[in-house]
C-alpha atoms as a PDB file:
ATOM      1  CA  MET A   1      -6.786   5.295 -43.257  1.00  0.00           C
ATOM      2  CA  THR A   2      -4.880   2.162 -42.596  1.00  0.00           C
ATOM      3  CA  LYS A   3      -5.765  -1.346 -43.806  1.00  0.00           C
ATOM      4  CA  ALA A   4      -4.993  -4.851 -43.237  1.00  0.00           C
ATOM      5  CA  SER A   5      -5.348  -7.046 -46.452  1.00  0.00           C
ATOM      6  CA  VAL A   6      -5.442 -11.045 -45.797  1.00  0.00           C
ATOM      7  CA  ARG A   7      -4.234 -13.263 -48.735  1.00  0.00           C
ATOM      8  CA  PRO A   8      -2.310 -16.547 -48.361  1.00  0.00           C
ATOM      9  CA  ARG A   9       1.093 -17.851 -49.404  1.00  0.00           C
ATOM     10  CA  LYS A  10       2.460 -21.150 -50.941  1.00  0.00           C
ATOM     11  CA  GLN A  11       3.521 -24.332 -49.550  1.00  0.00           C
ATOM     12  CA  ASN A  12       7.008 -25.967 -50.259  1.00  0.00           C
ATOM     13  CA  SER A  13       5.943 -29.722 -49.939  1.00  0.00           C
ATOM     14  CA  ALA A  14       2.398 -30.297 -50.979  1.00  0.00           C
ATOM     15  CA  PRO A  15       0.867 -33.773 -50.513  1.00  0.00           C
ATOM     16  CA  ASN A  16       0.061 -35.725 -53.585  1.00  0.00           C
ATOM     17  CA  ILE A  17      -3.133 -34.458 -55.476  1.00  0.00           C
ATOM     18  CA  ARG A  18      -4.406 -37.795 -56.353  1.00  0.00           C
ATOM     19  CA  HIS A  19      -4.428 -38.606 -52.386  1.00  0.00           C
ATOM     20  CA  LEU A  20      -5.984 -35.480 -51.692  1.00  0.00           C
ATOM     21  CA  ARG A  21      -8.999 -36.500 -54.203  1.00  0.00           C
ATOM     22  CA  ILE A  22      -9.277 -39.798 -52.574  1.00  0.00           C
ATOM     23  CA  PHE A  23      -9.709 -38.280 -49.236  1.00  0.00           C
ATOM     24  CA  SER A  24     -12.384 -35.856 -50.480  1.00  0.00           C
ATOM     25  CA  VAL A  25     -14.578 -38.658 -52.074  1.00  0.00           C
ATOM     26  CA  ILE A  26     -14.245 -40.806 -49.005  1.00  0.00           C
ATOM     27  CA  VAL A  27     -15.442 -38.014 -46.978  1.00  0.00           C
ATOM     28  CA  HIS A  28     -18.269 -37.360 -49.317  1.00  0.00           C
ATOM     29  CA  LEU A  29     -19.439 -41.037 -49.769  1.00  0.00           C
ATOM     30  CA  GLY A  30     -18.722 -42.332 -46.360  1.00  0.00           C
ATOM     31  CA  THR A  31     -16.619 -45.550 -47.044  1.00  0.00           C
ATOM     32  CA  VAL A  32     -13.512 -46.372 -48.800  1.00  0.00           C
ATOM     33  CA  THR A  33     -15.148 -49.095 -51.244  1.00  0.00           C
ATOM     34  CA  ALA A  34     -17.693 -46.360 -52.391  1.00  0.00           C
ATOM     35  CA  ALA A  35     -14.832 -43.730 -53.194  1.00  0.00           C
ATOM     36  CA  ALA A  36     -12.778 -46.579 -54.643  1.00  0.00           C
ATOM     37  CA  ASN A  37     -15.788 -47.359 -57.169  1.00  0.00           C
ATOM     38  CA  GLU A  38     -16.397 -43.653 -57.818  1.00  0.00           C
ATOM     39  CA  LEU A  39     -12.613 -43.137 -58.882  1.00  0.00           C
ATOM     40  CA  ASN A  40     -12.207 -46.571 -60.703  1.00  0.00           C
ATOM     41  CA  ILE A  41      -9.503 -47.346 -58.429  1.00  0.00           C
ATOM     42  CA  SER A  42      -9.010 -50.538 -56.229  1.00  0.00           C
ATOM     43  CA  GLN A  43      -9.790 -50.485 -52.517  1.00  0.00           C
ATOM     44  CA  PRO A  44      -6.290 -51.248 -51.405  1.00  0.00           C
ATOM     45  CA  ALA A  45      -5.147 -48.201 -53.473  1.00  0.00           C
ATOM     46  CA  ALA A  46      -7.528 -45.913 -51.697  1.00  0.00           C
ATOM     47  CA  THR A  47      -6.701 -47.314 -48.284  1.00  0.00           C
ATOM     48  CA  GLN A  48      -2.922 -46.705 -49.192  1.00  0.00           C
ATOM     49  CA  ALA A  49      -3.456 -43.134 -50.300  1.00  0.00           C
ATOM     50  CA  ILE A  50      -5.116 -42.498 -47.008  1.00  0.00           C
ATOM     51  CA  ARG A  51      -2.372 -44.074 -45.013  1.00  0.00           C
ATOM     52  CA  SER A  52       0.079 -41.879 -47.007  1.00  0.00           C
ATOM     53  CA  LEU A  53      -1.637 -38.705 -45.986  1.00  0.00           C
ATOM     54  CA  GLU A  54      -1.922 -40.074 -42.334  1.00  0.00           C
ATOM     55  CA  LYS A  55       1.824 -40.784 -42.476  1.00  0.00           C
ATOM     56  CA  ARG A  56       2.545 -37.115 -43.803  1.00  0.00           C
ATOM     57  CA  PHE A  57       0.671 -35.310 -41.344  1.00  0.00           C
ATOM     58  CA  GLY A  58       1.667 -37.418 -38.601  1.00  0.00           C
ATOM     59  CA  ILE A  59      -1.997 -38.366 -37.135  1.00  0.00           C
ATOM     60  CA  ALA A  60      -5.074 -40.505 -37.973  1.00  0.00           C
ATOM     61  CA  LEU A  61      -7.573 -38.595 -40.243  1.00  0.00           C
ATOM     62  CA  PHE A  62     -10.108 -41.240 -39.820  1.00  0.00           C
ATOM     63  CA  THR A  63     -11.875 -43.500 -37.273  1.00  0.00           C
ATOM     64  CA  ARG A  64     -13.066 -46.955 -38.831  1.00  0.00           C
ATOM     65  CA  ALA A  65     -16.412 -48.574 -38.010  1.00  0.00           C
ATOM     66  CA  LYS A  66     -18.496 -51.164 -39.430  1.00  0.00           C
ATOM     67  CA  THR A  67     -20.931 -48.490 -40.951  1.00  0.00           C
ATOM     68  CA  GLY A  68     -18.152 -46.773 -42.507  1.00  0.00           C
ATOM     69  CA  VAL A  69     -15.201 -44.036 -41.652  1.00  0.00           C
ATOM     70  CA  PHE A  70     -15.729 -40.873 -39.927  1.00  0.00           C
ATOM     71  CA  LEU A  71     -13.256 -37.867 -39.708  1.00  0.00           C
ATOM     72  CA  THR A  72     -10.977 -37.195 -36.516  1.00  0.00           C
ATOM     73  CA  GLU A  73     -10.426 -33.667 -35.409  1.00  0.00           C
ATOM     74  CA  ALA A  74      -7.246 -33.658 -37.565  1.00  0.00           C
ATOM     75  CA  GLY A  75      -9.245 -35.297 -40.575  1.00  0.00           C
ATOM     76  CA  LYS A  76     -12.044 -32.220 -40.084  1.00  0.00           C
ATOM     77  CA  LEU A  77      -9.422 -29.660 -40.284  1.00  0.00           C
ATOM     78  CA  LEU A  78      -7.647 -31.070 -43.147  1.00  0.00           C
ATOM     79  CA  GLU A  79     -11.202 -31.403 -44.754  1.00  0.00           C
ATOM     80  CA  ILE A  80     -11.812 -27.702 -44.586  1.00  0.00           C
ATOM     81  CA  ARG A  81      -8.542 -26.781 -46.165  1.00  0.00           C
ATOM     82  CA  ILE A  82      -8.803 -29.447 -48.971  1.00  0.00           C
ATOM     83  CA  ASN A  83     -12.033 -28.015 -50.038  1.00  0.00           C
ATOM     84  CA  ARG A  84     -10.620 -24.639 -50.028  1.00  0.00           C
ATOM     85  CA  ALA A  85      -7.622 -25.786 -52.044  1.00  0.00           C
ATOM     86  CA  PHE A  86      -9.654 -27.764 -54.494  1.00  0.00           C
ATOM     87  CA  LYS A  87     -11.613 -24.714 -55.592  1.00  0.00           C
ATOM     88  CA  TYR A  88      -8.067 -23.099 -56.413  1.00  0.00           C
ATOM     89  CA  LEU A  89      -7.373 -26.411 -58.363  1.00  0.00           C
ATOM     90  CA  ASN A  90     -10.627 -26.076 -60.284  1.00  0.00           C
ATOM     91  CA  ASP A  91      -9.907 -22.267 -61.090  1.00  0.00           C
ATOM     92  CA  ILE A  92      -6.685 -23.611 -62.755  1.00  0.00           C
ATOM     93  CA  MET A  93      -8.735 -25.973 -64.693  1.00  0.00           C
ATOM     94  CA  LYS A  94     -11.216 -23.237 -65.945  1.00  0.00           C
ATOM     95  CA  VAL A  95      -8.158 -21.418 -67.077  1.00  0.00           C
ATOM     96  CA  GLY A  96      -7.340 -24.323 -69.609  1.00  0.00           C
ATOM     97  CA  ARG A  97      -9.347 -25.711 -72.371  1.00  0.00           C
ATOM     98  CA  ARG A  98     -10.509 -28.914 -70.392  1.00  0.00           C
ATOM     99  CA  SER A  99     -12.879 -26.876 -67.888  1.00  0.00           C
ATOM    100  CA  ARG A 100     -15.645 -28.520 -69.660  1.00  0.00           C
ATOM    101  CA  GLU A 101     -14.830 -32.029 -68.250  1.00  0.00           C
ATOM    102  CA  GLN A 102     -15.244 -30.878 -64.822  1.00  0.00           C
ATOM    103  CA  GLN A 103     -18.035 -33.045 -63.210  1.00  0.00           C
ATOM    104  CA  ASN A 104     -18.118 -32.240 -59.291  1.00  0.00           C
ATOM    105  CA  ALA A 105     -16.474 -31.083 -56.003  1.00  0.00           C
ATOM    106  CA  TRP A 106     -13.211 -33.281 -56.582  1.00  0.00           C
ATOM    107  CA  GLY A 107     -12.900 -32.722 -60.279  1.00  0.00           C
ATOM    108  CA  GLY A 108     -13.455 -34.745 -63.284  1.00  0.00           C
ATOM    109  CA  ARG A 109     -10.845 -36.526 -65.459  1.00  0.00           C
ATOM    110  CA  SER A 110      -8.769 -33.336 -66.203  1.00  0.00           C
ATOM    111  CA  LEU A 111      -8.013 -32.894 -62.676  1.00  0.00           C
ATOM    112  CA  ALA A 112      -6.997 -36.315 -62.310  1.00  0.00           C
ATOM    113  CA  MET A 113      -4.323 -35.712 -64.615  1.00  0.00           C
ATOM    114  CA  LEU A 114      -2.901 -32.688 -62.499  1.00  0.00           C
ATOM    115  CA  THR A 115      -0.040 -33.523 -60.294  1.00  0.00           C
ATOM    116  CA  THR A 116       1.585 -31.863 -57.394  1.00  0.00           C
ATOM    117  CA  VAL A 117       5.034 -32.212 -59.160  1.00  0.00           C
ATOM    118  CA  GLN A 118       3.757 -30.258 -62.275  1.00  0.00           C
ATOM    119  CA  LEU A 119       2.399 -27.373 -60.246  1.00  0.00           C
ATOM    120  CA  GLU A 120       5.342 -27.127 -57.821  1.00  0.00           C
ATOM    121  CA  ALA A 121       7.647 -26.978 -60.863  1.00  0.00           C
ATOM    122  CA  PHE A 122       5.364 -24.302 -62.608  1.00  0.00           C
ATOM    123  CA  PHE A 123       4.890 -22.186 -59.423  1.00  0.00           C
ATOM    124  CA  SER A 124       8.751 -22.547 -58.920  1.00  0.00           C
ATOM    125  CA  ILE A 125       9.954 -21.222 -62.377  1.00  0.00           C
ATOM    126  CA  VAL A 126       7.491 -18.257 -62.197  1.00  0.00           C
ATOM    127  CA  ARG A 127       8.254 -17.399 -58.818  1.00  0.00           C
ATOM    128  CA  HIS A 128      12.082 -17.428 -59.294  1.00  0.00           C
ATOM    129  CA  GLY A 129      11.962 -15.861 -62.930  1.00  0.00           C
ATOM    130  CA  SER A 130      13.966 -18.690 -64.736  1.00  0.00           C
ATOM    131  CA  VAL A 131      14.055 -22.608 -64.831  1.00  0.00           C
ATOM    132  CA  ALA A 132      17.864 -22.143 -63.679  1.00  0.00           C
ATOM    133  CA  ALA A 133      17.017 -20.157 -60.628  1.00  0.00           C
ATOM    134  CA  ALA A 134      14.218 -22.667 -59.847  1.00  0.00           C
ATOM    135  CA  ALA A 135      16.346 -25.424 -60.231  1.00  0.00           C
ATOM    136  CA  ARG A 136      19.041 -24.038 -57.835  1.00  0.00           C
ATOM    137  CA  SER A 137      16.446 -23.170 -55.233  1.00  0.00           C
ATOM    138  CA  SER A 138      14.716 -26.508 -55.221  1.00  0.00           C
ATOM    139  CA  ASP A 139      17.772 -28.783 -55.850  1.00  0.00           C
ATOM    140  CA  ARG A 140      16.255 -30.242 -59.099  1.00  0.00           C
ATOM    141  CA  ALA A 141      17.692 -30.795 -62.331  1.00  0.00           C
ATOM    142  CA  GLN A 142      16.570 -27.903 -64.988  1.00  0.00           C
ATOM    143  CA  PRO A 143      15.236 -30.568 -67.212  1.00  0.00           C
ATOM    144  CA  THR A 144      13.111 -32.157 -64.448  1.00  0.00           C
ATOM    145  CA  LEU A 145      11.410 -29.066 -63.808  1.00  0.00           C
ATOM    146  CA  HIS A 146      11.293 -27.853 -67.593  1.00  0.00           C
ATOM    147  CA  ARG A 147       9.534 -31.101 -68.613  1.00  0.00           C
ATOM    148  CA  ALA A 148       6.960 -31.070 -65.497  1.00  0.00           C
ATOM    149  CA  ALA A 149       5.904 -27.433 -66.334  1.00  0.00           C
ATOM    150  CA  ARG A 150       5.643 -28.404 -70.090  1.00  0.00           C
ATOM    151  CA  GLU A 151       3.319 -31.447 -68.883  1.00  0.00           C
ATOM    152  CA  LEU A 152       1.177 -28.793 -67.202  1.00  0.00           C
ATOM    153  CA  GLU A 153       0.718 -27.049 -70.321  1.00  0.00           C
ATOM    154  CA  ARG A 154      -0.326 -30.211 -72.091  1.00  0.00           C
ATOM    155  CA  VAL A 155      -2.910 -31.077 -69.517  1.00  0.00           C
ATOM    156  CA  LEU A 156      -4.462 -27.358 -69.484  1.00  0.00           C
ATOM    157  CA  GLU A 157      -3.897 -27.242 -73.407  1.00  0.00           C
ATOM    158  CA  ILE A 158      -2.733 -23.743 -73.230  1.00  0.00           C
ATOM    159  CA  ASP A 159       0.674 -21.781 -73.107  1.00  0.00           C
ATOM    160  CA  LEU A 160       1.901 -20.992 -69.895  1.00  0.00           C
ATOM    161  CA  PHE A 161       4.947 -19.215 -70.907  1.00  0.00           C
ATOM    162  CA  GLU A 162       6.200 -17.024 -73.543  1.00  0.00           C
ATOM    163  CA  PRO A 163       9.628 -15.967 -74.570  1.00  0.00           C
ATOM    164  CA  SER A 164      11.213 -12.646 -73.612  1.00  0.00           C
ATOM    165  CA  SER A 165      14.536 -10.915 -73.669  1.00  0.00           C
ATOM    166  CA  PHE A 166      15.116 -12.270 -69.872  1.00  0.00           C
ATOM    167  CA  GLY A 167      14.054 -15.875 -70.805  1.00  0.00           C
ATOM    168  CA  LEU A 168      10.668 -17.289 -70.305  1.00  0.00           C
ATOM    169  CA  ARG A 169       7.638 -15.395 -68.525  1.00  0.00           C
ATOM    170  CA  PRO A 170       4.504 -16.332 -67.897  1.00  0.00           C
ATOM    171  CA  THR A 171       1.734 -15.551 -70.245  1.00  0.00           C
ATOM    172  CA  ARG A 172      -1.496 -13.978 -68.851  1.00  0.00           C
ATOM    173  CA  ALA A 173      -3.146 -17.481 -68.495  1.00  0.00           C
ATOM    174  CA  GLY A 174       0.158 -18.578 -66.574  1.00  0.00           C
ATOM    175  CA  GLU A 175      -0.007 -15.702 -64.353  1.00  0.00           C
ATOM    176  CA  LYS A 176      -3.621 -16.853 -63.300  1.00  0.00           C
ATOM    177  CA  VAL A 177      -2.299 -20.438 -62.835  1.00  0.00           C
ATOM    178  CA  ALA A 178       0.334 -19.300 -60.690  1.00  0.00           C
ATOM    179  CA  ARG A 179      -1.742 -17.129 -58.580  1.00  0.00           C
ATOM    180  CA  CYS A 180      -4.145 -20.027 -57.879  1.00  0.00           C
ATOM    181  CA  ALA A 181      -1.103 -22.556 -57.545  1.00  0.00           C
ATOM    182  CA  GLY A 182       0.381 -20.444 -54.764  1.00  0.00           C
ATOM    183  CA  LEU A 183      -2.846 -20.290 -52.978  1.00  0.00           C
ATOM    184  CA  PHE A 184      -3.470 -23.916 -53.265  1.00  0.00           C
ATOM    185  CA  PHE A 185      -0.259 -24.541 -51.705  1.00  0.00           C
ATOM    186  CA  HIS A 186      -0.726 -21.924 -48.981  1.00  0.00           C
ATOM    187  CA  GLU A 187      -4.286 -23.967 -48.050  1.00  0.00           C
ATOM    188  CA  LEU A 188      -2.242 -27.089 -47.421  1.00  0.00           C
ATOM    189  CA  LEU A 189       0.569 -25.095 -45.259  1.00  0.00           C
ATOM    190  CA  GLN A 190      -2.050 -24.214 -43.100  1.00  0.00           C
ATOM    191  CA  ALA A 191      -3.516 -27.540 -42.854  1.00  0.00           C
ATOM    192  CA  ASP A 192       0.151 -28.465 -41.787  1.00  0.00           C
ATOM    193  CA  SER A 193       0.375 -25.766 -39.172  1.00  0.00           C
ATOM    194  CA  GLU A 194      -3.038 -26.434 -37.625  1.00  0.00           C
ATOM    195  CA  ILE A 195      -2.560 -30.241 -37.293  1.00  0.00           C
ATOM    196  CA  ALA A 196       0.581 -29.644 -35.796  1.00  0.00           C
ATOM    197  CA  THR A 197      -1.105 -27.283 -33.247  1.00  0.00           C
ATOM    198  CA  LEU A 198      -3.501 -29.855 -32.479  1.00  0.00           C
ATOM    199  CA  LEU A 199      -0.705 -32.374 -31.806  1.00  0.00           C
ATOM    200  CA  GLY A 200       0.893 -29.817 -29.387  1.00  0.00           C
ATOM    201  CA  ARG A 201       3.850 -28.651 -31.648  1.00  0.00           C
ATOM    202  CA  GLU A 202       2.898 -25.365 -32.893  1.00  0.00           C
ATOM    203  CA  THR A 203       4.536 -24.567 -36.199  1.00  0.00           C
ATOM    204  CA  GLY A 204       3.994 -22.306 -39.002  1.00  0.00           C
ATOM    205  CA  MET A 205       5.142 -19.134 -40.533  1.00  0.00           C
ATOM    206  CA  THR A 206       3.453 -15.501 -41.516  1.00  0.00           C
ATOM    207  CA  VAL A 207       4.558 -13.105 -43.854  1.00  0.00           C
ATOM    208  CA  ILE A 208       3.532  -9.454 -43.166  1.00  0.00           C
ATOM    209  CA  GLY A 209       3.681  -6.922 -45.685  1.00  0.00           C
ATOM    210  CA  ALA A 210       4.556  -3.632 -44.088  1.00  0.00           C
ATOM    211  CA  MET A 211       4.739  -0.300 -45.759  1.00  0.00           C
ATOM    212  CA  PRO A 212       6.235   2.711 -44.415  1.00  0.00           C
ATOM    213  CA  LEU A 213       3.796   4.182 -41.389  1.00  0.00           C
ATOM    214  CA  ALA A 214       3.125   0.425 -40.386  1.00  0.00           C
ATOM    215  CA  ARG A 215       6.710  -0.823 -40.324  1.00  0.00           C
ATOM    216  CA  SER A 216       7.884   1.799 -37.875  1.00  0.00           C
ATOM    217  CA  HIS A 217       5.334   1.147 -35.214  1.00  0.00           C
ATOM    218  CA  ILE A 218       2.236  -0.876 -35.659  1.00  0.00           C
ATOM    219  CA  VAL A 219       3.734  -4.021 -37.314  1.00  0.00           C
ATOM    220  CA  PRO A 220       6.763  -4.472 -34.865  1.00  0.00           C
ATOM    221  CA  LYS A 221       4.348  -3.853 -31.815  1.00  0.00           C
ATOM    222  CA  ALA A 222       1.815  -6.411 -32.872  1.00  0.00           C
ATOM    223  CA  VAL A 223       4.493  -8.998 -33.660  1.00  0.00           C
ATOM    224  CA  LEU A 224       6.010  -8.641 -30.243  1.00  0.00           C
ATOM    225  CA  THR A 225       2.754  -9.298 -28.534  1.00  0.00           C
ATOM    226  CA  PHE A 226       1.995 -11.983 -30.561  1.00  0.00           C
ATOM    227  CA  MET A 227       5.355 -13.929 -30.096  1.00  0.00           C
ATOM    228  CA  LYS A 228       4.934 -13.817 -26.289  1.00  0.00           C
ATOM    229  CA  THR A 229       2.097 -16.448 -26.553  1.00  0.00           C
ATOM    230  CA  HIS A 230       3.359 -17.969 -29.885  1.00  0.00           C
ATOM    231  CA  PRO A 231       7.227 -18.349 -29.430  1.00  0.00           C
ATOM    232  CA  GLN A 232       7.279 -21.221 -31.958  1.00  0.00           C
ATOM    233  CA  HIS A 233       5.736 -19.217 -34.841  1.00  0.00           C
ATOM    234  CA  ARG A 234       7.918 -17.629 -37.384  1.00  0.00           C
ATOM    235  CA  VAL A 235       7.014 -14.146 -38.253  1.00  0.00           C
ATOM    236  CA  SER A 236       8.672 -12.260 -41.322  1.00  0.00           C
ATOM    237  CA  ILE A 237       8.186  -8.664 -42.250  1.00  0.00           C
ATOM    238  CA  LEU A 238       8.495  -7.503 -45.839  1.00  0.00           C
ATOM    239  CA  GLU A 239       9.103  -4.204 -46.837  1.00  0.00           C
ATOM    240  CA  ALA A 240       8.293  -3.436 -50.478  1.00  0.00           C
ATOM    241  CA  PRO A 241       5.865  -0.985 -52.540  1.00  0.00           C
ATOM    242  CA  TYR A 242       2.192  -1.408 -52.339  1.00  0.00           C
ATOM    243  CA  GLU A 243       1.779  -2.777 -55.769  1.00  0.00           C
ATOM    244  CA  THR A 244       4.825  -5.628 -55.147  1.00  0.00           C
ATOM    245  CA  LEU A 245       3.166  -6.565 -51.687  1.00  0.00           C
ATOM    246  CA  LEU A 246      -0.361  -6.853 -53.345  1.00  0.00           C
ATOM    247  CA  THR A 247       0.924  -9.195 -56.047  1.00  0.00           C
ATOM    248  CA  GLY A 248       2.686 -11.004 -53.466  1.00  0.00           C
ATOM    249  CA  MET A 249      -0.698 -11.500 -51.462  1.00  0.00           C
ATOM    250  CA  ARG A 250      -2.479 -12.717 -54.606  1.00  0.00           C
ATOM    251  CA  ARG A 251       0.162 -15.239 -55.335  1.00  0.00           C
ATOM    252  CA  GLY A 252       0.126 -16.439 -51.661  1.00  0.00           C
ATOM    253  CA  ASP A 253       3.733 -15.163 -50.853  1.00  0.00           C
ATOM    254  CA  VAL A 254       2.403 -12.663 -48.543  1.00  0.00           C
ATOM    255  CA  ASP A 255      -0.489 -13.185 -45.702  1.00  0.00           C
ATOM    256  CA  PHE A 256      -1.515  -9.863 -45.143  1.00  0.00           C
ATOM    257  CA  LEU A 257      -0.481  -6.087 -45.691  1.00  0.00           C
ATOM    258  CA  VAL A 258      -0.621  -3.165 -43.571  1.00  0.00           C
ATOM    259  CA  GLY A 259      -0.555   0.307 -44.531  1.00  0.00           C
ATOM    260  CA  ALA A 260      -2.396   3.364 -46.036  1.00  0.00           C
ATOM    261  CA  MET A 261      -5.677   2.258 -47.934  1.00  0.00           C
ATOM    262  CA  ARG A 262      -5.548   2.736 -51.381  1.00  0.00           C
ATOM    263  CA  ASP A 263      -8.322   3.955 -53.815  1.00  0.00           C
ATOM    264  CA  VAL A 264      -7.863   0.993 -56.326  1.00  0.00           C
ATOM    265  CA  ASN A 265     -10.685  -0.791 -58.193  1.00  0.00           C
ATOM    266  CA  ASP A 266      -8.807  -3.998 -58.907  1.00  0.00           C
ATOM    267  CA  THR A 267      -9.237  -5.242 -55.329  1.00  0.00           C
ATOM    268  CA  LYS A 268     -12.232  -7.155 -55.431  1.00  0.00           C
ATOM    269  CA  ASP A 269     -10.440 -10.249 -54.320  1.00  0.00           C
ATOM    270  CA  VAL A 270      -8.787  -8.783 -51.404  1.00  0.00           C
ATOM    271  CA  LEU A 271     -10.631  -7.898 -48.093  1.00  0.00           C
ATOM    272  CA  GLU A 272      -9.813  -4.604 -46.716  1.00  0.00           C
ATOM    273  CA  GLN A 273     -10.376  -3.839 -43.073  1.00  0.00           C
ATOM    274  CA  HIS A 274     -10.201  -0.323 -41.574  1.00  0.00           C
ATOM    275  CA  LEU A 275      -7.855  -0.057 -38.435  1.00  0.00           C
ATOM    276  CA  PHE A 276      -7.699   3.497 -37.730  1.00  0.00           C
ATOM    277  CA  ASN A 277      -7.522   7.220 -39.266  1.00  0.00           C
ATOM    278  CA  ASP A 278      -4.435   8.894 -39.288  1.00  0.00           C
ATOM    279  CA  SER A 279      -4.458  12.408 -37.460  1.00  0.00           C
ATOM    280  CA  LEU A 280      -2.420  15.028 -39.584  1.00  0.00           C
ATOM    281  CA  SER A 281      -1.044  17.838 -37.482  1.00  0.00           C
ATOM    282  CA  ILE A 282       1.443  20.732 -38.441  1.00  0.00           C
ATOM    283  CA  LEU A 283       4.067  21.328 -36.063  1.00  0.00           C
ATOM    284  CA  MET A 284       6.366  24.314 -36.064  1.00  0.00           C
ATOM    285  CA  ARG A 285       8.374  26.586 -33.896  1.00  0.00           C
END
């Protein structure tokens, strides 16, 4: 059997988490004033947060009326992705010791302490294997990345790294946080792509994990067919062992993988779809 397993990837430059929280509360309560009161911030601050998001995505997210604010088509797309992204943020908070403070869909006081900078720094260090490598990849100073990652530890009140012979490596809790962070970034990357398509400038990138049978015929043929109708979309094919691709998929580095189905019990978080049965033949002179 051959399968296609779907799982997301990361985003390089995510929006401000505080702005995303404000957006979610405005959608839920229907007015900027009510959202500002709920979050204990000023109305101008809430308005400025939405303007920052609209500037980042390059499109209006709300239409204003006397009775409140209403989502535009772009706003509706973003709302879906933010709701999914915040589920991963809440999963991150559950890993820490502050999970009892979670109060609603957009998080309690603990989630308000979480920042995009902290998550990006931590995820980059885990992804590249060290602070030095992460700094080179992101063009940020090592002390800056290290400080942001340690701030995340203080917010969650847990250790995310442990020393090893090769430097720092994520703890078991750190692995869970990195996995959720990668999926959080991926949801926002998808929001970018969907809104860009709405504006008529399709963007985005898909990373396909391909195992031996798939990379020789199935995946290349599918990619060529796809590129005929989506020439601006970037597609990358990653060849690696099944375990490596599965880990990448769970962290959000790989969108889906194609290859022989495996009898693995630890795949409850992965959707497997049967494509076809392989026919085996014996050929001889």
